[in-house]
Amino acid sequence: MFLIGLVVLLFASSGHAMIWNWSFSTEAGTFTTDGTGTPGWYNVSDFSVTSTGMGATIGSWSGSQYAASGYSTETPYKFQWDGSAVVKWDSAGSNSFDWLVFKDLAQPYYYFFGWETGNFNTVDQAAYYYEYGSVSQPSYHVDVDQGGVVPIPGAILLFAPGLAGLIAVRRRLKV
């Protein structure tokens, strides 16, 4: 019984989501990905805007204020982290550019990560892009940093039975 409880507890603690903070110019928000913060590829499962000076919608992809698509980019979205910075953005779709594009569903604006003025791939640039504008719109240096690792809800649900099993074993051993 103790061994089963320990295995469930260890399995439960392995499921995590990583929160990443991003910011450029007057814009800021988060990405939610898989993983734990070590160098490698991270699959983006959510995107949010938490503050804006450009008048964007405060909200998220999961909250249905944004769509993870636009300009021939499609999910899955992911990025590569080298331990200190994003070194590559990657999206599916027919667009050959390495951009992550998030469309504001309330207004004709997009967030572009990996985009530089003039339609260039530049991993450390991002822009708040007006749908009816030109490619001369400004791009800005984007900062992305690790916000923290959080257990995913399924892991929390598995953690409870594992902990209960360990408590039951401890009580039985005391008797």
C-alpha atoms as a PDB file:
ATOM      1  CA  MET A   1       0.000   0.000   0.000  1.00  0.00           C
ATOM      2  CA  PHE A   2       2.847   2.389   0.900  1.00  0.00           C
ATOM      3  CA  LEU A   3       4.564   1.694  -2.423  1.00  0.00           C
ATOM      4  CA  ILE A   4       1.360   2.327  -4.403  1.00  0.00           C
ATOM      5  CA  GLY A   5       0.819   5.635  -2.585  1.00  0.00           C
ATOM      6  CA  LEU A   6       4.408   6.680  -3.259  1.00  0.00           C
ATOM      7  CA  VAL A   7       4.163   5.822  -6.978  1.00  0.00           C
ATOM      8  CA  VAL A   8       0.907   7.808  -7.341  1.00  0.00           C
ATOM      9  CA  LEU A   9       2.465  10.752  -5.465  1.00  0.00           C
ATOM     10  CA  LEU A  10       5.562  10.761  -7.691  1.00  0.00           C
ATOM     11  CA  PHE A  11       3.471  10.447 -10.852  1.00  0.00           C
ATOM     12  CA  ALA A  12       1.234  13.315  -9.767  1.00  0.00           C
ATOM     13  CA  SER A  13       4.144  15.640  -9.124  1.00  0.00           C
ATOM     14  CA  SER A  14       5.503  15.158 -12.659  1.00  0.00           C
ATOM     15  CA  GLY A  15       2.732  17.074 -14.493  1.00  0.00           C
ATOM     16  CA  HIS A  16       3.538  20.765 -14.729  1.00  0.00           C
ATOM     17  CA  ALA A  17       2.771  23.822 -16.766  1.00  0.00           C
ATOM     18  CA  MET A  18       5.268  26.629 -17.203  1.00  0.00           C
ATOM     19  CA  ILE A  19       4.194  30.275 -17.064  1.00  0.00           C
ATOM     20  CA  TRP A  20       6.349  32.710 -19.062  1.00  0.00           C
ATOM     21  CA  ASN A  21       6.112  36.496 -18.806  1.00  0.00           C
ATOM     22  CA  TRP A  22       6.523  38.489 -22.015  1.00  0.00           C
ATOM     23  CA  SER A  23       6.769  42.232 -22.576  1.00  0.00           C
ATOM     24  CA  PHE A  24       7.630  44.730 -25.306  1.00  0.00           C
ATOM     25  CA  SER A  25       7.035  48.466 -25.601  1.00  0.00           C
ATOM     26  CA  THR A  26       3.835  49.140 -23.582  1.00  0.00           C
ATOM     27  CA  GLU A  27       2.500  45.567 -23.853  1.00  0.00           C
ATOM     28  CA  ALA A  28       2.768  42.657 -21.395  1.00  0.00           C
ATOM     29  CA  GLY A  29       1.286  39.244 -20.785  1.00  0.00           C
ATOM     30  CA  THR A  30       2.012  35.553 -20.369  1.00  0.00           C
ATOM     31  CA  PHE A  31       2.454  32.313 -22.268  1.00  0.00           C
ATOM     32  CA  THR A  32       1.501  28.988 -20.684  1.00  0.00           C
ATOM     33  CA  THR A  33       3.480  26.002 -21.918  1.00  0.00           C
ATOM     34  CA  ASP A  34       4.369  22.474 -20.986  1.00  0.00           C
ATOM     35  CA  GLY A  35       7.701  21.736 -19.299  1.00  0.00           C
ATOM     36  CA  THR A  36       9.638  22.872 -16.270  1.00  0.00           C
ATOM     37  CA  GLY A  37      12.026  25.600 -17.441  1.00  0.00           C
ATOM     38  CA  THR A  38      15.032  23.619 -18.639  1.00  0.00           C
ATOM     39  CA  PRO A  39      16.478  24.323 -22.110  1.00  0.00           C
ATOM     40  CA  GLY A  40      14.419  22.843 -24.934  1.00  0.00           C
ATOM     41  CA  TRP A  41      11.176  23.197 -26.891  1.00  0.00           C
ATOM     42  CA  TYR A  42       7.959  24.381 -25.220  1.00  0.00           C
ATOM     43  CA  ASN A  43       4.458  23.901 -26.641  1.00  0.00           C
ATOM     44  CA  VAL A  44       2.255  26.966 -26.106  1.00  0.00           C
ATOM     45  CA  SER A  45      -1.148  26.081 -24.631  1.00  0.00           C
ATOM     46  CA  ASP A  46      -2.294  29.613 -23.731  1.00  0.00           C
ATOM     47  CA  PHE A  47      -1.486  33.262 -24.395  1.00  0.00           C
ATOM     48  CA  SER A  48      -2.704  36.277 -22.439  1.00  0.00           C
ATOM     49  CA  VAL A  49      -2.478  40.058 -22.467  1.00  0.00           C
ATOM     50  CA  THR A  50      -2.340  41.438 -18.930  1.00  0.00           C
ATOM     51  CA  SER A  51      -1.541  45.097 -19.604  1.00  0.00           C
ATOM     52  CA  THR A  52      -1.558  47.278 -22.686  1.00  0.00           C
ATOM     53  CA  GLY A  53      -0.757  50.828 -23.680  1.00  0.00           C
ATOM     54  CA  MET A  54      -1.941  50.281 -27.269  1.00  0.00           C
ATOM     55  CA  GLY A  55      -5.556  49.572 -26.332  1.00  0.00           C
ATOM     56  CA  ALA A  56      -5.549  45.820 -26.921  1.00  0.00           C
ATOM     57  CA  THR A  57      -8.124  43.580 -25.330  1.00  0.00           C
ATOM     58  CA  ILE A  58      -7.129  42.342 -21.874  1.00  0.00           C
ATOM     59  CA  GLY A  59      -7.733  38.620 -22.033  1.00  0.00           C
ATOM     60  CA  SER A  60      -6.437  35.306 -23.286  1.00  0.00           C
ATOM     61  CA  TRP A  61      -6.612  32.597 -25.898  1.00  0.00           C
ATOM     62  CA  SER A  62      -8.315  30.250 -23.402  1.00  0.00           C
ATOM     63  CA  GLY A  63     -10.749  33.008 -22.441  1.00  0.00           C
ATOM     64  CA  SER A  64     -11.751  33.420 -26.124  1.00  0.00           C
ATOM     65  CA  GLN A  65     -10.539  37.024 -26.437  1.00  0.00           C
ATOM     66  CA  TYR A  66      -7.684  35.910 -28.740  1.00  0.00           C
ATOM     67  CA  ALA A  67      -7.193  33.287 -31.444  1.00  0.00           C
ATOM     68  CA  ALA A  68      -3.865  31.568 -32.005  1.00  0.00           C
ATOM     69  CA  SER A  69      -3.874  32.110 -35.752  1.00  0.00           C
ATOM     70  CA  GLY A  70      -3.455  34.668 -38.476  1.00  0.00           C
ATOM     71  CA  TYR A  71      -1.332  35.329 -41.549  1.00  0.00           C
ATOM     72  CA  SER A  72      -1.264  31.626 -42.456  1.00  0.00           C
ATOM     73  CA  THR A  73       0.024  30.526 -39.043  1.00  0.00           C
ATOM     74  CA  GLU A  74      -1.706  27.717 -37.193  1.00  0.00           C
ATOM     75  CA  THR A  75      -1.238  25.777 -33.999  1.00  0.00           C
ATOM     76  CA  PRO A  76       0.705  24.024 -32.685  1.00  0.00           C
ATOM     77  CA  TYR A  77       2.747  27.000 -31.536  1.00  0.00           C
ATOM     78  CA  LYS A  78       6.026  26.424 -29.752  1.00  0.00           C
ATOM     79  CA  PHE A  79       9.305  28.108 -28.955  1.00  0.00           C
ATOM     80  CA  GLN A  80      12.818  27.000 -28.111  1.00  0.00           C
ATOM     81  CA  TRP A  81      14.410  28.186 -24.857  1.00  0.00           C
ATOM     82  CA  ASP A  82      18.190  27.993 -24.351  1.00  0.00           C
ATOM     83  CA  GLY A  83      18.112  28.570 -20.594  1.00  0.00           C
ATOM     84  CA  SER A  84      18.214  32.366 -20.784  1.00  0.00           C
ATOM     85  CA  ALA A  85      16.287  33.456 -23.909  1.00  0.00           C
ATOM     86  CA  VAL A  86      13.929  32.349 -26.668  1.00  0.00           C
ATOM     87  CA  VAL A  87      16.100  31.313 -29.633  1.00  0.00           C
ATOM     88  CA  LYS A  88      13.344  30.245 -32.064  1.00  0.00           C
ATOM     89  CA  TRP A  89       9.599  30.728 -32.523  1.00  0.00           C
ATOM     90  CA  ASP A  90       7.751  28.029 -34.469  1.00  0.00           C
ATOM     91  CA  SER A  91       4.200  27.649 -35.775  1.00  0.00           C
ATOM     92  CA  ALA A  92       2.377  25.323 -38.131  1.00  0.00           C
ATOM     93  CA  GLY A  93       0.643  26.494 -41.296  1.00  0.00           C
ATOM     94  CA  SER A  94       1.632  27.608 -44.758  1.00  0.00           C
ATOM     95  CA  ASN A  95       3.535  30.736 -43.695  1.00  0.00           C
ATOM     96  CA  SER A  96       7.285  30.206 -43.974  1.00  0.00           C
ATOM     97  CA  PHE A  97       7.999  32.875 -41.332  1.00  0.00           C
ATOM     98  CA  ASP A  98       8.833  31.878 -37.759  1.00  0.00           C
ATOM     99  CA  TRP A  99       6.111  33.941 -36.085  1.00  0.00           C
ATOM    100  CA  LEU A 100       3.615  33.262 -33.323  1.00  0.00           C
ATOM    101  CA  VAL A 101       0.527  35.280 -34.225  1.00  0.00           C
ATOM    102  CA  PHE A 102      -2.365  35.970 -31.848  1.00  0.00           C
ATOM    103  CA  LYS A 103      -5.436  37.740 -33.246  1.00  0.00           C
ATOM    104  CA  ASP A 104      -7.431  40.085 -31.014  1.00  0.00           C
ATOM    105  CA  LEU A 105     -11.007  38.890 -31.652  1.00  0.00           C
ATOM    106  CA  ALA A 106     -12.573  42.211 -30.566  1.00  0.00           C
ATOM    107  CA  GLN A 107     -10.593  44.497 -32.878  1.00  0.00           C
ATOM    108  CA  PRO A 108      -8.409  44.281 -36.027  1.00  0.00           C
ATOM    109  CA  TYR A 109      -5.066  43.863 -34.233  1.00  0.00           C
ATOM    110  CA  TYR A 110      -2.553  41.066 -33.860  1.00  0.00           C
ATOM    111  CA  TYR A 111       0.361  40.289 -31.578  1.00  0.00           C
ATOM    112  CA  PHE A 112       3.346  39.044 -33.585  1.00  0.00           C
ATOM    113  CA  PHE A 113       6.264  37.320 -31.819  1.00  0.00           C
ATOM    114  CA  GLY A 114       9.396  36.858 -33.939  1.00  0.00           C
ATOM    115  CA  TRP A 115       8.401  39.635 -36.386  1.00  0.00           C
ATOM    116  CA  GLU A 116      10.501  42.646 -37.264  1.00  0.00           C
ATOM    117  CA  THR A 117       9.507  45.692 -39.306  1.00  0.00           C
ATOM    118  CA  GLY A 118       9.634  44.811 -43.007  1.00  0.00           C
ATOM    119  CA  ASN A 119       8.390  41.196 -42.563  1.00  0.00           C
ATOM    120  CA  PHE A 120      11.642  39.752 -41.258  1.00  0.00           C
ATOM    121  CA  ASN A 121      12.146  36.849 -38.860  1.00  0.00           C
ATOM    122  CA  THR A 122      13.886  38.201 -35.776  1.00  0.00           C
ATOM    123  CA  VAL A 123      13.614  36.069 -32.665  1.00  0.00           C
ATOM    124  CA  ASP A 124      13.981  38.950 -30.183  1.00  0.00           C
ATOM    125  CA  GLN A 125      11.387  41.254 -31.817  1.00  0.00           C
ATOM    126  CA  ALA A 126       7.610  41.527 -31.454  1.00  0.00           C
ATOM    127  CA  ALA A 127       4.871  43.884 -32.583  1.00  0.00           C
ATOM    128  CA  TYR A 128       1.300  44.964 -32.024  1.00  0.00           C
ATOM    129  CA  TYR A 129       0.189  44.875 -35.663  1.00  0.00           C
ATOM    130  CA  TYR A 130      -2.817  46.668 -37.190  1.00  0.00           C
ATOM    131  CA  GLU A 131      -4.572  44.379 -39.673  1.00  0.00           C
ATOM    132  CA  TYR A 132      -5.008  47.088 -42.303  1.00  0.00           C
ATOM    133  CA  GLY A 133      -1.566  48.624 -41.877  1.00  0.00           C
ATOM    134  CA  SER A 134       1.683  48.255 -43.729  1.00  0.00           C
ATOM    135  CA  VAL A 135       4.829  46.250 -43.054  1.00  0.00           C
ATOM    136  CA  SER A 136       6.508  49.467 -41.880  1.00  0.00           C
ATOM    137  CA  GLN A 137       4.753  49.279 -38.509  1.00  0.00           C
ATOM    138  CA  PRO A 138       7.253  49.303 -35.631  1.00  0.00           C
ATOM    139  CA  SER A 139       8.583  46.228 -33.904  1.00  0.00           C
ATOM    140  CA  TYR A 140      10.144  46.212 -30.457  1.00  0.00           C
ATOM    141  CA  HIS A 141      12.612  44.136 -28.468  1.00  0.00           C
ATOM    142  CA  VAL A 142      10.628  41.425 -26.669  1.00  0.00           C
ATOM    143  CA  ASP A 143      11.629  40.098 -23.263  1.00  0.00           C
ATOM    144  CA  VAL A 144      10.506  36.621 -22.228  1.00  0.00           C
ATOM    145  CA  ASP A 145      11.314  35.224 -18.801  1.00  0.00           C
ATOM    146  CA  GLN A 146      10.268  32.287 -16.685  1.00  0.00           C
ATOM    147  CA  GLY A 147       7.363  33.141 -14.426  1.00  0.00           C
ATOM    148  CA  GLY A 148       7.259  29.793 -12.660  1.00  0.00           C
ATOM    149  CA  VAL A 149       6.229  26.171 -12.754  1.00  0.00           C
ATOM    150  CA  VAL A 150       2.711  25.335 -11.613  1.00  0.00           C
ATOM    151  CA  PRO A 151       1.130  21.902 -11.181  1.00  0.00           C
ATOM    152  CA  ILE A 152      -1.503  21.153 -13.792  1.00  0.00           C
ATOM    153  CA  PRO A 153      -5.010  20.402 -12.402  1.00  0.00           C
ATOM    154  CA  GLY A 154      -4.788  16.700 -13.251  1.00  0.00           C
ATOM    155  CA  ALA A 155      -1.586  16.451 -11.239  1.00  0.00           C
ATOM    156  CA  ILE A 156      -3.269  18.079  -8.252  1.00  0.00           C
ATOM    157  CA  LEU A 157      -6.126  15.576  -8.496  1.00  0.00           C
ATOM    158  CA  LEU A 158      -3.637  12.692  -8.555  1.00  0.00           C
ATOM    159  CA  PHE A 159      -1.672  14.178  -5.665  1.00  0.00           C
ATOM    160  CA  ALA A 160      -4.629  13.908  -3.246  1.00  0.00           C
ATOM    161  CA  PRO A 161      -5.102  10.094  -3.484  1.00  0.00           C
ATOM    162  CA  GLY A 162      -1.337   9.596  -3.218  1.00  0.00           C
ATOM    163  CA  LEU A 163      -1.173  11.705  -0.075  1.00  0.00           C
ATOM    164  CA  ALA A 164      -4.253   9.961   1.371  1.00  0.00           C
ATOM    165  CA  GLY A 165      -2.596   6.574   0.719  1.00  0.00           C
ATOM    166  CA  LEU A 166       0.572   7.658   2.539  1.00  0.00           C
ATOM    167  CA  ILE A 167      -1.475   8.914   5.520  1.00  0.00           C
ATOM    168  CA  ALA A 168      -3.440   5.631   5.649  1.00  0.00           C
ATOM    169  CA  VAL A 169      -0.219   3.599   5.628  1.00  0.00           C
ATOM    170  CA  ARG A 170       1.265   5.748   8.391  1.00  0.00           C
ATOM    171  CA  ARG A 171      -1.829   5.307  10.577  1.00  0.00           C
ATOM    172  CA  ARG A 172      -1.799   1.553   9.991  1.00  0.00           C
ATOM    173  CA  LEU A 173       1.887   1.362  10.970  1.00  0.00           C
ATOM    174  CA  LYS A 174       1.194   3.236  14.235  1.00  0.00           C
ATOM    175  CA  VAL A 175      -1.475   0.673  15.215  1.00  0.00           C
END
